[in-house]
mmCIF file of all heavy atoms, coordinates in Angstrom:
data_MODEL
# 
_entry.id   MODEL 
# 
loop_
_atom_site.group_PDB 
_atom_site.id 
_atom_site.type_symbol 
_atom_site.label_atom_id 
_atom_site.label_alt_id 
_atom_site.label_comp_id 
_atom_site.label_asym_id 
_atom_site.label_entity_id 
_atom_site.label_seq_id 
_atom_site.pdbx_PDB_ins_code 
_atom_site.Cartn_x 
_atom_site.Cartn_y 
_atom_site.Cartn_z 
_atom_site.occupancy 
_atom_site.B_iso_or_equiv 
_atom_site.pdbx_formal_charge 
_atom_site.auth_seq_id 
_atom_site.auth_comp_id 
_atom_site.auth_asym_id 
_atom_site.auth_atom_id 
_atom_site.pdbx_PDB_model_num 
ATOM 1   N N   . ASP A 1 1  ? 44.921 8.605   -48.479 1.00 0.00 ? 1  ASP A N   1 
ATOM 2   C CA  . ASP A 1 1  ? 44.687 7.521   -47.524 1.00 0.00 ? 1  ASP A CA  1 
ATOM 3   C C   . ASP A 1 1  ? 44.195 6.243   -48.201 1.00 0.00 ? 1  ASP A C   1 
ATOM 4   O O   . ASP A 1 1  ? 43.869 5.266   -47.531 1.00 0.00 ? 1  ASP A O   1 
ATOM 5   C CB  . ASP A 1 1  ? 43.659 7.953   -46.466 1.00 0.00 ? 1  ASP A CB  1 
ATOM 6   C CG  . ASP A 1 1  ? 44.175 9.068   -45.571 1.00 0.00 ? 1  ASP A CG  1 
ATOM 7   O OD1 . ASP A 1 1  ? 45.388 9.096   -45.316 1.00 0.00 ? 1  ASP A OD1 1 
ATOM 8   O OD2 . ASP A 1 1  ? 43.358 9.908   -45.133 1.00 0.00 ? 1  ASP A OD2 1 
ATOM 9   N N   . LEU A 1 2  ? 44.131 6.255   -49.536 1.00 0.00 ? 2  LEU A N   1 
ATOM 10  C CA  . LEU A 1 2  ? 43.658 5.084   -50.271 1.00 0.00 ? 2  LEU A CA  1 
ATOM 11  C C   . LEU A 1 2  ? 44.578 3.895   -50.033 1.00 0.00 ? 2  LEU A C   1 
ATOM 12  O O   . LEU A 1 2  ? 45.797 4.006   -50.157 1.00 0.00 ? 2  LEU A O   1 
ATOM 13  C CB  . LEU A 1 2  ? 43.606 5.400   -51.770 1.00 0.00 ? 2  LEU A CB  1 
ATOM 14  C CG  . LEU A 1 2  ? 43.190 4.257   -52.695 1.00 0.00 ? 2  LEU A CG  1 
ATOM 15  C CD1 . LEU A 1 2  ? 41.724 3.879   -52.472 1.00 0.00 ? 2  LEU A CD1 1 
ATOM 16  C CD2 . LEU A 1 2  ? 43.422 4.638   -54.152 1.00 0.00 ? 2  LEU A CD2 1 
ATOM 17  N N   . VAL A 1 3  ? 43.985 2.742   -49.695 1.00 0.00 ? 3  VAL A N   1 
ATOM 18  C CA  . VAL A 1 3  ? 44.777 1.526   -49.489 1.00 0.00 ? 3  VAL A CA  1 
ATOM 19  C C   . VAL A 1 3  ? 44.400 0.398   -50.441 1.00 0.00 ? 3  VAL A C   1 
ATOM 20  O O   . VAL A 1 3  ? 45.171 -0.541  -50.618 1.00 0.00 ? 3  VAL A O   1 
ATOM 21  C CB  . VAL A 1 3  ? 44.669 1.019   -48.031 1.00 0.00 ? 3  VAL A CB  1 
ATOM 22  C CG1 . VAL A 1 3  ? 45.290 2.017   -47.070 1.00 0.00 ? 3  VAL A CG1 1 
ATOM 23  C CG2 . VAL A 1 3  ? 43.224 0.750   -47.641 1.00 0.00 ? 3  VAL A CG2 1 
ATOM 24  N N   . LYS A 1 4  ? 43.213 0.477   -51.057 1.00 0.00 ? 4  LYS A N   1 
ATOM 25  C CA  . LYS A 1 4  ? 42.815 -0.620  -51.938 1.00 0.00 ? 4  LYS A CA  1 
ATOM 26  C C   . LYS A 1 4  ? 41.649 -0.197  -52.829 1.00 0.00 ? 4  LYS A C   1 
ATOM 27  O O   . LYS A 1 4  ? 40.764 0.536   -52.391 1.00 0.00 ? 4  LYS A O   1 
ATOM 28  C CB  . LYS A 1 4  ? 42.386 -1.846  -51.110 1.00 0.00 ? 4  LYS A CB  1 
ATOM 29  C CG  . LYS A 1 4  ? 42.021 -3.081  -51.929 1.00 0.00 ? 4  LYS A CG  1 
ATOM 30  C CD  . LYS A 1 4  ? 43.243 -3.671  -52.625 1.00 0.00 ? 4  LYS A CD  1 
ATOM 31  C CE  . LYS A 1 4  ? 42.906 -4.974  -53.362 1.00 0.00 ? 4  LYS A CE  1 
ATOM 32  N NZ  . LYS A 1 4  ? 44.100 -5.573  -53.979 1.00 0.00 ? 4  LYS A NZ  1 
ATOM 33  N N   . ARG A 1 5  ? 41.660 -0.673  -54.076 1.00 0.00 ? 5  ARG A N   1 
ATOM 34  C CA  . ARG A 1 5  ? 40.497 -0.551  -54.951 1.00 0.00 ? 5  ARG A CA  1 
ATOM 35  C C   . ARG A 1 5  ? 40.119 -1.942  -55.445 1.00 0.00 ? 5  ARG A C   1 
ATOM 36  O O   . ARG A 1 5  ? 40.960 -2.680  -55.955 1.00 0.00 ? 5  ARG A O   1 
ATOM 37  C CB  . ARG A 1 5  ? 40.774 0.362   -56.148 1.00 0.00 ? 5  ARG A CB  1 
ATOM 38  C CG  . ARG A 1 5  ? 39.629 0.351   -57.182 1.00 0.00 ? 5  ARG A CG  1 
ATOM 39  C CD  . ARG A 1 5  ? 39.802 1.425   -58.231 1.00 0.00 ? 5  ARG A CD  1 
ATOM 40  N NE  . ARG A 1 5  ? 39.712 2.739   -57.607 1.00 0.00 ? 5  ARG A NE  1 
ATOM 41  C CZ  . ARG A 1 5  ? 40.161 3.852   -58.193 1.00 0.00 ? 5  ARG A CZ  1 
ATOM 42  N NH1 . ARG A 1 5  ? 40.744 3.798   -59.366 1.00 0.00 ? 5  ARG A NH1 1 
ATOM 43  N NH2 . ARG A 1 5  ? 40.029 5.014   -57.571 1.00 0.00 ? 5  ARG A NH2 1 
ATOM 44  N N   . ILE A 1 6  ? 38.838 -2.289  -55.261 1.00 0.00 ? 6  ILE A N   1 
ATOM 45  C CA  . ILE A 1 6  ? 38.304 -3.551  -55.786 1.00 0.00 ? 6  ILE A CA  1 
ATOM 46  C C   . ILE A 1 6  ? 37.391 -3.194  -56.939 1.00 0.00 ? 6  ILE A C   1 
ATOM 47  O O   . ILE A 1 6  ? 36.400 -2.484  -56.770 1.00 0.00 ? 6  ILE A O   1 
ATOM 48  C CB  . ILE A 1 6  ? 37.546 -4.327  -54.695 1.00 0.00 ? 6  ILE A CB  1 
ATOM 49  C CG1 . ILE A 1 6  ? 38.500 -4.688  -53.549 1.00 0.00 ? 6  ILE A CG1 1 
ATOM 50  C CG2 . ILE A 1 6  ? 36.906 -5.587  -55.275 1.00 0.00 ? 6  ILE A CG2 1 
ATOM 51  C CD1 . ILE A 1 6  ? 37.824 -5.342  -52.358 1.00 0.00 ? 6  ILE A CD1 1 
ATOM 52  N N   . ASN A 1 7  ? 37.695 -3.693  -58.120 1.00 0.00 ? 7  ASN A N   1 
ATOM 53  C CA  . ASN A 1 7  ? 36.995 -3.267  -59.324 1.00 0.00 ? 7  ASN A CA  1 
ATOM 54  C C   . ASN A 1 7  ? 36.694 -4.480  -60.211 1.00 0.00 ? 7  ASN A C   1 
ATOM 55  O O   . ASN A 1 7  ? 37.585 -5.281  -60.473 1.00 0.00 ? 7  ASN A O   1 
ATOM 56  C CB  . ASN A 1 7  ? 37.879 -2.268  -60.082 1.00 0.00 ? 7  ASN A CB  1 
ATOM 57  C CG  . ASN A 1 7  ? 37.136 -1.543  -61.180 1.00 0.00 ? 7  ASN A CG  1 
ATOM 58  O OD1 . ASN A 1 7  ? 35.923 -1.621  -61.278 1.00 0.00 ? 7  ASN A OD1 1 
ATOM 59  N ND2 . ASN A 1 7  ? 37.878 -0.854  -62.013 1.00 0.00 ? 7  ASN A ND2 1 
ATOM 60  N N   . PRO A 1 8  ? 35.453 -4.664  -60.694 1.00 0.00 ? 8  PRO A N   1 
ATOM 61  C CA  . PRO A 1 8  ? 34.288 -3.805  -60.437 1.00 0.00 ? 8  PRO A CA  1 
ATOM 62  C C   . PRO A 1 8  ? 33.589 -4.172  -59.128 1.00 0.00 ? 8  PRO A C   1 
ATOM 63  O O   . PRO A 1 8  ? 33.598 -5.328  -58.720 1.00 0.00 ? 8  PRO A O   1 
ATOM 64  C CB  . PRO A 1 8  ? 33.376 -4.121  -61.618 1.00 0.00 ? 8  PRO A CB  1 
ATOM 65  C CG  . PRO A 1 8  ? 33.670 -5.549  -61.939 1.00 0.00 ? 8  PRO A CG  1 
ATOM 66  C CD  . PRO A 1 8  ? 35.149 -5.730  -61.651 1.00 0.00 ? 8  PRO A CD  1 
ATOM 67  N N   . TRP A 1 9  ? 32.987 -3.180  -58.502 1.00 0.00 ? 9  TRP A N   1 
ATOM 68  C CA  . TRP A 1 9  ? 32.226 -3.398  -57.268 1.00 0.00 ? 9  TRP A CA  1 
ATOM 69  C C   . TRP A 1 9  ? 31.345 -2.182  -57.057 1.00 0.00 ? 9  TRP A C   1 
ATOM 70  O O   . TRP A 1 9  ? 31.675 -1.082  -57.538 1.00 0.00 ? 9  TRP A O   1 
ATOM 71  C CB  . TRP A 1 9  ? 33.152 -3.599  -56.078 1.00 0.00 ? 9  TRP A CB  1 
ATOM 72  C CG  . TRP A 1 9  ? 32.581 -4.489  -55.005 1.00 0.00 ? 9  TRP A CG  1 
ATOM 73  C CD1 . TRP A 1 9  ? 31.908 -4.102  -53.890 1.00 0.00 ? 9  TRP A CD1 1 
ATOM 74  C CD2 . TRP A 1 9  ? 32.641 -5.910  -54.960 1.00 0.00 ? 9  TRP A CD2 1 
ATOM 75  N NE1 . TRP A 1 9  ? 31.536 -5.201  -53.151 1.00 0.00 ? 9  TRP A NE1 1 
ATOM 76  C CE2 . TRP A 1 9  ? 31.979 -6.329  -53.797 1.00 0.00 ? 9  TRP A CE2 1 
ATOM 77  C CE3 . TRP A 1 9  ? 33.179 -6.878  -55.803 1.00 0.00 ? 9  TRP A CE3 1 
ATOM 78  C CZ2 . TRP A 1 9  ? 31.845 -7.659  -53.434 1.00 0.00 ? 9  TRP A CZ2 1 
ATOM 79  C CZ3 . TRP A 1 9  ? 33.053 -8.200  -55.446 1.00 0.00 ? 9  TRP A CZ3 1 
ATOM 80  C CH2 . TRP A 1 9  ? 32.393 -8.591  -54.275 1.00 0.00 ? 9  TRP A CH2 1 
ATOM 81  N N   . HIS A 1 10 ? 30.228 -2.329  -56.339 1.00 0.00 ? 10 HIS A N   1 
ATOM 82  C CA  . HIS A 1 10 ? 29.372 -1.162  -56.113 1.00 0.00 ? 10 HIS A CA  1 
ATOM 83  C C   . HIS A 1 10 ? 28.508 -1.349  -54.859 1.00 0.00 ? 10 HIS A C   1 
ATOM 84  O O   . HIS A 1 10 ? 28.030 -2.442  -54.583 1.00 0.00 ? 10 HIS A O   1 
ATOM 85  C CB  . HIS A 1 10 ? 28.452 -0.915  -57.314 1.00 0.00 ? 10 HIS A CB  1 
ATOM 86  C CG  . HIS A 1 10 ? 27.752 0.418   -57.240 1.00 0.00 ? 10 HIS A CG  1 
ATOM 87  N ND1 . HIS A 1 10 ? 28.382 1.603   -57.536 1.00 0.00 ? 10 HIS A ND1 1 
ATOM 88  C CD2 . HIS A 1 10 ? 26.489 0.750   -56.872 1.00 0.00 ? 10 HIS A CD2 1 
ATOM 89  C CE1 . HIS A 1 10 ? 27.535 2.614   -57.365 1.00 0.00 ? 10 HIS A CE1 1 
ATOM 90  N NE2 . HIS A 1 10 ? 26.382 2.120   -56.956 1.00 0.00 ? 10 HIS A NE2 1 
ATOM 91  N N   . ALA A 1 11 ? 28.331 -0.236  -54.136 1.00 0.00 ? 11 ALA A N   1 
ATOM 92  C CA  . ALA A 1 11 ? 27.428 -0.164  -52.981 1.00 0.00 ? 11 ALA A CA  1 
ATOM 93  C C   . ALA A 1 11 ? 27.717 -1.257  -51.962 1.00 0.00 ? 11 ALA A C   1 
ATOM 94  O O   . ALA A 1 11 ? 26.824 -1.958  -51.494 1.00 0.00 ? 11 ALA A O   1 
ATOM 95  C CB  . ALA A 1 11 ? 25.981 -0.231  -53.435 1.00 0.00 ? 11 ALA A CB  1 
ATOM 96  N N   . ALA A 1 12 ? 28.965 -1.381  -51.583 1.00 0.00 ? 12 ALA A N   1 
ATOM 97  C CA  . ALA A 1 12 ? 29.377 -2.463  -50.686 1.00 0.00 ? 12 ALA A CA  1 
ATOM 98  C C   . ALA A 1 12 ? 28.858 -2.278  -49.275 1.00 0.00 ? 12 ALA A C   1 
ATOM 99  O O   . ALA A 1 12 ? 28.766 -1.164  -48.763 1.00 0.00 ? 12 ALA A O   1 
ATOM 100 C CB  . ALA A 1 12 ? 30.892 -2.576  -50.660 1.00 0.00 ? 12 ALA A CB  1 
ATOM 101 N N   . GLU A 1 13 ? 28.506 -3.384  -48.652 1.00 0.00 ? 13 GLU A N   1 
ATOM 102 C CA  . GLU A 1 13 ? 28.254 -3.465  -47.219 1.00 0.00 ? 13 GLU A CA  1 
ATOM 103 C C   . GLU A 1 13 ? 29.271 -4.446  -46.645 1.00 0.00 ? 13 GLU A C   1 
ATOM 104 O O   . GLU A 1 13 ? 29.566 -5.478  -47.253 1.00 0.00 ? 13 GLU A O   1 
ATOM 105 C CB  . GLU A 1 13 ? 26.847 -3.979  -46.934 1.00 0.00 ? 13 GLU A CB  1 
ATOM 106 C CG  . GLU A 1 13 ? 25.747 -3.026  -47.338 1.00 0.00 ? 13 GLU A CG  1 
ATOM 107 C CD  . GLU A 1 13 ? 25.516 -1.925  -46.318 1.00 0.00 ? 13 GLU A CD  1 
ATOM 108 O OE1 . GLU A 1 13 ? 25.428 -2.232  -45.114 1.00 0.00 ? 13 GLU A OE1 1 
ATOM 109 O OE2 . GLU A 1 13 ? 25.436 -0.762  -46.726 1.00 0.00 ? 13 GLU A OE2 1 
ATOM 110 N N   . ILE A 1 14 ? 29.812 -4.129  -45.487 1.00 0.00 ? 14 ILE A N   1 
ATOM 111 C CA  . ILE A 1 14 ? 30.732 -5.022  -44.804 1.00 0.00 ? 14 ILE A CA  1 
ATOM 112 C C   . ILE A 1 14 ? 29.957 -5.700  -43.673 1.00 0.00 ? 14 ILE A C   1 
ATOM 113 O O   . ILE A 1 14 ? 29.245 -5.043  -42.918 1.00 0.00 ? 14 ILE A O   1 
ATOM 114 C CB  . ILE A 1 14 ? 31.943 -4.261  -44.255 1.00 0.00 ? 14 ILE A CB  1 
ATOM 115 C CG1 . ILE A 1 14 ? 32.714 -3.613  -45.407 1.00 0.00 ? 14 ILE A CG1 1 
ATOM 116 C CG2 . ILE A 1 14 ? 32.857 -5.197  -43.462 1.00 0.00 ? 14 ILE A CG2 1 
ATOM 117 C CD1 . ILE A 1 14 ? 33.823 -2.685  -44.959 1.00 0.00 ? 14 ILE A CD1 1 
ATOM 118 N N   . VAL A 1 15 ? 30.081 -7.019  -43.563 1.00 0.00 ? 15 VAL A N   1 
ATOM 119 C CA  . VAL A 1 15 ? 29.292 -7.764  -42.585 1.00 0.00 ? 15 VAL A CA  1 
ATOM 120 C C   . VAL A 1 15 ? 30.137 -8.906  -42.031 1.00 0.00 ? 15 VAL A C   1 
ATOM 121 O O   . VAL A 1 15 ? 31.007 -9.447  -42.730 1.00 0.00 ? 15 VAL A O   1 
ATOM 122 C CB  . VAL A 1 15 ? 27.980 -8.289  -43.235 1.00 0.00 ? 15 VAL A CB  1 
ATOM 123 C CG1 . VAL A 1 15 ? 28.271 -9.221  -44.388 1.00 0.00 ? 15 VAL A CG1 1 
ATOM 124 C CG2 . VAL A 1 15 ? 27.087 -8.957  -42.209 1.00 0.00 ? 15 VAL A CG2 1 
ATOM 125 N N   . ARG A 1 16 ? 29.894 -9.263  -40.749 1.00 0.00 ? 16 ARG A N   1 
ATOM 126 C CA  . ARG A 1 16 ? 30.571 -10.404 -40.136 1.00 0.00 ? 16 ARG A CA  1 
ATOM 127 C C   . ARG A 1 16 ? 29.578 -11.530 -39.890 1.00 0.00 ? 16 ARG A C   1 
ATOM 128 O O   . ARG A 1 16 ? 28.463 -11.296 -39.414 1.00 0.00 ? 16 ARG A O   1 
ATOM 129 C CB  . ARG A 1 16 ? 31.228 -10.009 -38.813 1.00 0.00 ? 16 ARG A CB  1 
ATOM 130 C CG  . ARG A 1 16 ? 32.377 -9.047  -38.964 1.00 0.00 ? 16 ARG A CG  1 
ATOM 131 C CD  . ARG A 1 16 ? 33.124 -8.861  -37.669 1.00 0.00 ? 16 ARG A CD  1 
ATOM 132 N NE  . ARG A 1 16 ? 34.008 -9.985  -37.380 1.00 0.00 ? 16 ARG A NE  1 
ATOM 133 C CZ  . ARG A 1 16 ? 34.798 -10.063 -36.306 1.00 0.00 ? 16 ARG A CZ  1 
ATOM 134 N NH1 . ARG A 1 16 ? 34.763 -9.088  -35.412 1.00 0.00 ? 16 ARG A NH1 1 
ATOM 135 N NH2 . ARG A 1 16 ? 35.594 -11.095 -36.116 1.00 0.00 ? 16 ARG A NH2 1 
ATOM 136 N N   . ASP A 1 17 ? 30.014 -12.735 -40.182 1.00 0.00 ? 17 ASP A N   1 
ATOM 137 C CA  . ASP A 1 17 ? 29.178 -13.907 -39.957 1.00 0.00 ? 17 ASP A CA  1 
ATOM 138 C C   . ASP A 1 17 ? 29.280 -14.347 -38.491 1.00 0.00 ? 17 ASP A C   1 
ATOM 139 O O   . ASP A 1 17 ? 30.081 -13.822 -37.718 1.00 0.00 ? 17 ASP A O   1 
ATOM 140 C CB  . ASP A 1 17 ? 29.613 -15.029 -40.894 1.00 0.00 ? 17 ASP A CB  1 
ATOM 141 C CG  . ASP A 1 17 ? 28.496 -16.012 -41.184 1.00 0.00 ? 17 ASP A CG  1 
ATOM 142 O OD1 . ASP A 1 17 ? 27.469 -15.982 -40.477 1.00 0.00 ? 17 ASP A OD1 1 
ATOM 143 O OD2 . ASP A 1 17 ? 28.638 -16.821 -42.122 1.00 0.00 ? 17 ASP A OD2 1 
ATOM 144 N N   . LEU A 1 18 ? 28.455 -15.316 -38.137 1.00 0.00 ? 18 LEU A N   1 
ATOM 145 C CA  . LEU A 1 18 ? 28.411 -15.794 -36.753 1.00 0.00 ? 18 LEU A CA  1 
ATOM 146 C C   . LEU A 1 18 ? 29.722 -16.430 -36.320 1.00 0.00 ? 18 LEU A C   1 
ATOM 147 O O   . LEU A 1 18 ? 30.009 -16.519 -35.115 1.00 0.00 ? 18 LEU A O   1 
ATOM 148 C CB  . LEU A 1 18 ? 27.262 -16.792 -36.583 1.00 0.00 ? 18 LEU A CB  1 
ATOM 149 C CG  . LEU A 1 18 ? 25.864 -16.281 -36.949 1.00 0.00 ? 18 LEU A CG  1 
ATOM 150 C CD1 . LEU A 1 18 ? 24.827 -17.371 -36.683 1.00 0.00 ? 18 LEU A CD1 1 
ATOM 151 C CD2 . LEU A 1 18 ? 25.524 -15.012 -36.187 1.00 0.00 ? 18 LEU A CD2 1 
ATOM 152 N N   . ASP A 1 19 ? 30.520 -16.899 -37.255 1.00 0.00 ? 19 ASP A N   1 
ATOM 153 C CA  . ASP A 1 19 ? 31.814 -17.494 -36.935 1.00 0.00 ? 19 ASP A CA  1 
ATOM 154 C C   . ASP A 1 19 ? 32.937 -16.463 -36.926 1.00 0.00 ? 19 ASP A C   1 
ATOM 155 O O   . ASP A 1 19 ? 34.112 -16.810 -36.773 1.00 0.00 ? 19 ASP A O   1 
ATOM 156 C CB  . ASP A 1 19 ? 32.147 -18.627 -37.907 1.00 0.00 ? 19 ASP A CB  1 
ATOM 157 C CG  . ASP A 1 19 ? 32.191 -18.159 -39.360 1.00 0.00 ? 19 ASP A CG  1 
ATOM 158 O OD1 . ASP A 1 19 ? 32.044 -16.937 -39.611 1.00 0.00 ? 19 ASP A OD1 1 
ATOM 159 O OD2 . ASP A 1 19 ? 32.370 -19.010 -40.252 1.00 0.00 ? 19 ASP A OD2 1 
ATOM 160 N N   . GLY A 1 20 ? 32.591 -15.196 -37.113 1.00 0.00 ? 20 GLY A N   1 
ATOM 161 C CA  . GLY A 1 20 ? 33.584 -14.134 -37.073 1.00 0.00 ? 20 GLY A CA  1 
ATOM 162 C C   . GLY A 1 20 ? 34.192 -13.767 -38.405 1.00 0.00 ? 20 GLY A C   1 
ATOM 163 O O   . GLY A 1 20 ? 34.920 -12.781 -38.504 1.00 0.00 ? 20 GLY A O   1 
ATOM 164 N N   . LYS A 1 21 ? 33.912 -14.547 -39.445 1.00 0.00 ? 21 LYS A N   1 
ATOM 165 C CA  . LYS A 1 21 ? 34.483 -14.244 -40.759 1.00 0.00 ? 21 LYS A CA  1 
ATOM 166 C C   . LYS A 1 21 ? 33.838 -12.990 -41.349 1.00 0.00 ? 21 LYS A C   1 
ATOM 167 O O   . LYS A 1 21 ? 32.682 -12.698 -41.084 1.00 0.00 ? 21 LYS A O   1 
ATOM 168 C CB  . LYS A 1 21 ? 34.288 -15.434 -41.706 1.00 0.00 ? 21 LYS A CB  1 
ATOM 169 C CG  . LYS A 1 21 ? 35.094 -16.667 -41.308 1.00 0.00 ? 21 LYS A CG  1 
ATOM 170 C CD  . LYS A 1 21 ? 34.876 -17.812 -42.282 1.00 0.00 ? 21 LYS A CD  1 
ATOM 171 C CE  . LYS A 1 21 ? 35.693 -19.041 -41.883 1.00 0.00 ? 21 LYS A CE  1 
ATOM 172 N NZ  . LYS A 1 21 ? 35.462 -20.186 -42.801 1.00 0.00 ? 21 LYS A NZ  1 
ATOM 173 N N   . TRP A 1 22 ? 34.626 -12.282 -42.155 1.00 0.00 ? 22 TRP A N   1 
ATOM 174 C CA  . TRP A 1 22 ? 34.183 -11.035 -42.754 1.00 0.00 ? 22 TRP A CA  1 
ATOM 175 C C   . TRP A 1 22 ? 33.744 -11.265 -44.196 1.00 0.00 ? 22 TRP A C   1 
ATOM 176 O O   . TRP A 1 22 ? 34.320 -12.096 -44.916 1.00 0.00 ? 22 TRP A O   1 
ATOM 177 C CB  . TRP A 1 22 ? 35.322 -10.016 -42.751 1.00 0.00 ? 22 TRP A CB  1 
ATOM 178 C CG  . TRP A 1 22 ? 35.792 -9.602  -41.396 1.00 0.00 ? 22 TRP A CG  1 
ATOM 179 C CD1 . TRP A 1 22 ? 36.616 -10.316 -40.564 1.00 0.00 ? 22 TRP A CD1 1 
ATOM 180 C CD2 . TRP A 1 22 ? 35.500 -8.379  -40.718 1.00 0.00 ? 22 TRP A CD2 1 
ATOM 181 N NE1 . TRP A 1 22 ? 36.845 -9.616  -39.410 1.00 0.00 ? 22 TRP A NE1 1 
ATOM 182 C CE2 . TRP A 1 22 ? 36.187 -8.419  -39.475 1.00 0.00 ? 22 TRP A CE2 1 
ATOM 183 C CE3 . TRP A 1 22 ? 34.742 -7.250  -41.038 1.00 0.00 ? 22 TRP A CE3 1 
ATOM 184 C CZ2 . TRP A 1 22 ? 36.123 -7.371  -38.559 1.00 0.00 ? 22 TRP A CZ2 1 
ATOM 185 C CZ3 . TRP A 1 22 ? 34.689 -6.209  -40.118 1.00 0.00 ? 22 TRP A CZ3 1 
ATOM 186 C CH2 . TRP A 1 22 ? 35.367 -6.271  -38.900 1.00 0.00 ? 22 TRP A CH2 1 
ATOM 187 N N   . TYR A 1 23 ? 32.719 -10.483 -44.626 1.00 0.00 ? 23 TYR A N   1 
ATOM 188 C CA  . TYR A 1 23 ? 32.248 -10.562 -46.005 1.00 0.00 ? 23 TYR A CA  1 
ATOM 189 C C   . TYR A 1 23 ? 31.991 -9.169  -46.557 1.00 0.00 ? 23 TYR A C   1 
ATOM 190 O O   . TYR A 1 23 ? 31.693 -8.224  -45.816 1.00 0.00 ? 23 TYR A O   1 
ATOM 191 C CB  . TYR A 1 23 ? 30.970 -11.400 -46.093 1.00 0.00 ? 23 TYR A CB  1 
ATOM 192 C CG  . TYR A 1 23 ? 31.208 -12.874 -45.852 1.00 0.00 ? 23 TYR A CG  1 
ATOM 193 C CD1 . TYR A 1 23 ? 31.204 -13.395 -44.556 1.00 0.00 ? 23 TYR A CD1 1 
ATOM 194 C CD2 . TYR A 1 23 ? 31.477 -13.742 -46.906 1.00 0.00 ? 23 TYR A CD2 1 
ATOM 195 C CE1 . TYR A 1 23 ? 31.462 -14.734 -44.322 1.00 0.00 ? 23 TYR A CE1 1 
ATOM 196 C CE2 . TYR A 1 23 ? 31.726 -15.085 -46.681 1.00 0.00 ? 23 TYR A CE2 1 
ATOM 197 C CZ  . TYR A 1 23 ? 31.719 -15.575 -45.389 1.00 0.00 ? 23 TYR A CZ  1 
ATOM 198 O OH  . TYR A 1 23 ? 31.980 -16.897 -45.172 1.00 0.00 ? 23 TYR A OH  1 
ATOM 199 N N   . LEU A 1 24 ? 32.119 -9.068  -47.878 1.00 0.00 ? 24 LEU A N   1 
ATOM 200 C CA  . LEU A 1 24 ? 31.835 -7.830  -48.594 1.00 0.00 ? 24 LEU A CA  1 
ATOM 201 C C   . LEU A 1 24 ? 30.695 -8.112  -49.563 1.00 0.00 ? 24 LEU A C   1 
ATOM 202 O O   . LEU A 1 24 ? 30.816 -8.956  -50.450 1.00 0.00 ? 24 LEU A O   1 
ATOM 203 C CB  . LEU A 1 24 ? 33.076 -7.369  -49.360 1.00 0.00 ? 24 LEU A CB  1 
ATOM 204 C CG  . LEU A 1 24 ? 33.010 -5.975  -49.986 1.00 0.00 ? 24 LEU A CG  1 
ATOM 205 C CD1 . LEU A 1 24 ? 32.997 -4.903  -48.904 1.00 0.00 ? 24 LEU A CD1 1 
ATOM 206 C CD2 . LEU A 1 24 ? 34.201 -5.748  -50.927 1.00 0.00 ? 24 LEU A CD2 1 
ATOM 207 N N   . SER A 1 25 ? 29.565 -7.424  -49.370 1.00 0.00 ? 25 SER A N   1 
ATOM 208 C CA  . SER A 1 25 ? 28.428 -7.620  -50.267 1.00 0.00 ? 25 SER A CA  1 
ATOM 209 C C   . SER A 1 25 ? 28.413 -6.524  -51.320 1.00 0.00 ? 25 SER A C   1 
ATOM 210 O O   . SER A 1 25 ? 29.041 -5.477  -51.163 1.00 0.00 ? 25 SER A O   1 
ATOM 211 C CB  . SER A 1 25 ? 27.116 -7.615  -49.480 1.00 0.00 ? 25 SER A CB  1 
ATOM 212 O OG  . SER A 1 25 ? 26.858 -6.327  -48.953 1.00 0.00 ? 25 SER A OG  1 
ATOM 213 N N   . ARG A 1 26 ? 27.690 -6.756  -52.404 1.00 0.00 ? 26 ARG A N   1 
ATOM 214 C CA  . ARG A 1 26 ? 27.623 -5.770  -53.471 1.00 0.00 ? 26 ARG A CA  1 
ATOM 215 C C   . ARG A 1 26 ? 26.259 -5.811  -54.130 1.00 0.00 ? 26 ARG A C   1 
ATOM 216 O O   . ARG A 1 26 ? 25.572 -6.837  -54.140 1.00 0.00 ? 26 ARG A O   1 
ATOM 217 C CB  . ARG A 1 26 ? 28.693 -6.011  -54.523 1.00 0.00 ? 26 ARG A CB  1 
ATOM 218 C CG  . ARG A 1 26 ? 28.567 -7.335  -55.256 1.00 0.00 ? 26 ARG A CG  1 
ATOM 219 C CD  . ARG A 1 26 ? 29.470 -7.395  -56.474 1.00 0.00 ? 26 ARG A CD  1 
ATOM 220 N NE  . ARG A 1 26 ? 28.948 -6.578  -57.569 1.00 0.00 ? 26 ARG A NE  1 
ATOM 221 C CZ  . ARG A 1 26 ? 29.531 -6.479  -58.762 1.00 0.00 ? 26 ARG A CZ  1 
ATOM 222 N NH1 . ARG A 1 26 ? 30.667 -7.120  -59.000 1.00 0.00 ? 26 ARG A NH1 1 
ATOM 223 N NH2 . ARG A 1 26 ? 28.996 -5.756  -59.716 1.00 0.00 ? 26 ARG A NH2 1 
ATOM 224 N N   . SER A 1 27 ? 25.880 -4.663  -54.687 1.00 0.00 ? 27 SER A N   1 
ATOM 225 C CA  . SER A 1 27 ? 24.676 -4.627  -55.500 1.00 0.00 ? 27 SER A CA  1 
ATOM 226 C C   . SER A 1 27 ? 25.045 -5.004  -56.922 1.00 0.00 ? 27 SER A C   1 
ATOM 227 O O   . SER A 1 27 ? 26.209 -5.014  -57.308 1.00 0.00 ? 27 SER A O   1 
ATOM 228 C CB  . SER A 1 27 ? 24.062 -3.231  -55.476 1.00 0.00 ? 27 SER A CB  1 
ATOM 229 O OG  . SER A 1 27 ? 24.952 -2.297  -56.052 1.00 0.00 ? 27 SER A OG  1 
ATOM 230 N N   . SER A 1 28 ? 24.040 -5.305  -57.711 1.00 0.00 ? 28 SER A N   1 
ATOM 231 C CA  . SER A 1 28 ? 24.288 -5.922  -58.996 1.00 0.00 ? 28 SER A CA  1 
ATOM 232 C C   . SER A 1 28 ? 24.812 -4.987  -60.057 1.00 0.00 ? 28 SER A C   1 
ATOM 233 O O   . SER A 1 28 ? 25.658 -5.341  -60.851 1.00 0.00 ? 28 SER A O   1 
ATOM 234 C CB  . SER A 1 28 ? 23.004 -6.563  -59.503 1.00 0.00 ? 28 SER A CB  1 
ATOM 235 O OG  . SER A 1 28 ? 22.028 -5.549  -59.719 1.00 0.00 ? 28 SER A OG  1 
# 
């Protein structure tokens, strides 16, 4: 079921802003 790998990345959180845009956060 894999559709995408983003590398390098770690411990992502998915969040939406007040304008509806999507963001992907990461730890260092």
